Amino acid sequence: MRNFIFQFEQEKLIDLDINLRQALLLDYLCNFFGSGFAKILTKQERYYWIAYDKIMEDLPLIYNNKRQITRDILELTQKQIIKKEKHNNKLYVCVDCNYLIFGKKSEYA
């Protein structure tokens, strides 16, 4: 078995019941958060604003409508991989990328 899928250990993805489409979305989000372009909604944790249109523009191979993204975000929220907040009609998400990549929980996500 290959050890890594994107930047995540394949075994961890299997343990967390994350499918390939969701793994790509998580990889995209973790890279986006690290880019410095995401807007932060400050709380005790770091929440970043995401735009459905930008995700569809960047990942047209897997997402061609908002409903698909919403479904994956909801499933990842139910699996406690993503936390989400709505603020001023915008969606902000928090993902502990360090946990997904290194297997260690962050002090903050």
Protein backbone atom coordinates (compact mmCIF):
# COMPACT_ATOMS: atom_id res chain seq x y z
CA MET A 1 0.00 0.00 0.00
CA ARG A 2 1.22 3.48 -0.81
CA ASN A 3 2.01 5.44 2.39
CA PHE A 4 0.74 8.87 1.35
CA ILE A 5 -2.21 10.21 -0.61
CA PHE A 6 -1.60 13.91 -1.21
CA GLN A 7 0.06 15.03 2.03
CA PHE A 8 -1.81 12.60 4.29
CA GLU A 9 -0.99 9.09 5.46
CA GLN A 10 -3.28 6.74 3.59
CA GLU A 11 -3.78 4.61 6.71
CA LYS A 12 -5.02 7.66 8.66
CA LEU A 13 -7.46 8.51 5.85
CA ILE A 14 -8.79 4.96 5.96
CA ASP A 15 -9.09 5.04 9.77
CA LEU A 16 -11.02 8.33 9.55
CA ASP A 17 -13.24 6.98 6.73
CA ILE A 18 -12.23 9.78 4.35
CA ASN A 19 -12.76 9.10 0.66
CA LEU A 20 -10.47 10.32 -2.13
CA ARG A 21 -12.65 13.33 -3.05
CA GLN A 22 -12.73 14.44 0.59
CA ALA A 23 -8.97 13.90 0.90
CA LEU A 24 -8.42 16.18 -2.09
CA LEU A 25 -10.69 18.83 -0.56
CA LEU A 26 -8.77 18.60 2.75
CA ASP A 27 -5.45 18.84 0.90
CA TYR A 28 -6.75 21.88 -0.99
CA LEU A 29 -7.95 23.54 2.23
CA CYS A 30 -4.72 22.86 4.15
CA ASN A 31 -2.67 24.33 1.29
CA PHE A 32 -5.02 27.30 0.99
CA PHE A 33 -4.82 28.01 4.73
CA GLY A 34 -1.03 27.99 4.57
CA SER A 35 -0.94 30.37 1.61
CA GLY A 36 -1.77 33.47 3.63
CA PHE A 37 -4.65 34.39 1.31
CA ALA A 38 -7.45 33.03 3.50
CA LYS A 39 -9.33 35.44 5.73
CA ILE A 40 -9.38 34.53 9.42
CA LEU A 41 -12.45 34.69 11.64
CA THR A 42 -10.78 34.92 15.03
CA LYS A 43 -11.96 32.76 17.90
CA GLN A 44 -9.99 30.42 20.10
CA GLU A 45 -9.33 28.49 16.90
CA ARG A 46 -8.44 29.68 13.43
CA TYR A 47 -11.35 29.70 11.03
CA TYR A 48 -10.81 30.53 7.37
CA TRP A 49 -13.30 31.85 4.88
CA ILE A 50 -13.89 29.61 1.90
CA ALA A 51 -15.70 30.45 -1.33
CA TYR A 52 -17.61 27.72 -3.14
CA ASP A 53 -17.02 29.36 -6.52
CA LYS A 54 -13.25 29.38 -5.98
CA ILE A 55 -13.24 25.70 -5.00
CA MET A 56 -15.26 24.84 -8.12
CA GLU A 57 -12.90 26.94 -10.25
CA ASP A 58 -9.79 25.31 -8.79
CA LEU A 59 -11.13 21.73 -8.63
CA PRO A 60 -13.52 21.35 -11.60
CA LEU A 61 -12.63 17.68 -12.00
CA ILE A 62 -14.44 16.79 -8.77
CA TYR A 63 -16.74 19.73 -8.01
CA ASN A 64 -19.12 21.26 -10.51
CA ASN A 65 -21.79 22.49 -8.09
CA LYS A 66 -22.08 23.92 -4.60
CA ARG A 67 -24.16 20.99 -3.35
CA GLN A 68 -21.25 18.55 -3.78
CA ILE A 69 -18.93 20.76 -1.72
CA THR A 70 -21.60 21.28 0.93
CA ARG A 71 -22.14 17.52 1.20
CA ASP A 72 -18.41 16.82 1.65
CA ILE A 73 -18.03 19.60 4.23
CA LEU A 74 -21.06 18.26 6.12
CA GLU A 75 -19.68 14.70 6.11
CA LEU A 76 -16.27 15.92 7.29
CA THR A 77 -17.97 17.97 10.01
CA GLN A 78 -19.91 14.91 11.16
CA LYS A 79 -16.61 12.97 11.27
CA GLN A 80 -15.18 15.86 13.37
CA ILE A 81 -12.46 16.58 10.81
CA ILE A 82 -13.79 20.06 10.00
CA LYS A 83 -15.47 22.63 12.23
CA LYS A 84 -17.58 25.25 10.50
CA GLU A 85 -19.09 28.62 11.35
CA LYS A 86 -21.33 30.98 9.42
CA HIS A 87 -20.58 34.68 9.76
CA ASN A 88 -22.20 37.43 7.67
CA ASN A 89 -23.59 34.78 5.32
CA LYS A 90 -20.09 33.40 4.62
CA LEU A 91 -18.77 29.96 5.51
CA TYR A 92 -15.67 29.71 7.67
CA VAL A 93 -13.99 26.38 8.39
CA CYS A 94 -11.39 25.14 10.81
CA VAL A 95 -9.30 22.07 9.94
CA ASP A 96 -6.55 20.68 12.15
CA CYS A 97 -4.13 20.07 9.26
CA ASN A 98 -1.34 19.10 11.67
CA TYR A 99 -3.47 16.23 12.96
CA LEU A 100 -4.18 15.01 9.44
CA ILE A 101 -0.56 15.32 8.33
CA PHE A 102 1.46 14.54 11.46
CA GLY A 103 -1.07 12.73 13.65
CA LYS A 104 -0.71 15.26 16.47
CA LYS A 105 -3.48 17.53 17.70
CA SER A 106 -2.63 21.23 17.60
CA GLU A 107 -3.06 23.60 20.53
CA TYR A 108 -5.37 25.37 18.13
CA ALA A 109 -6.54 24.25 14.75
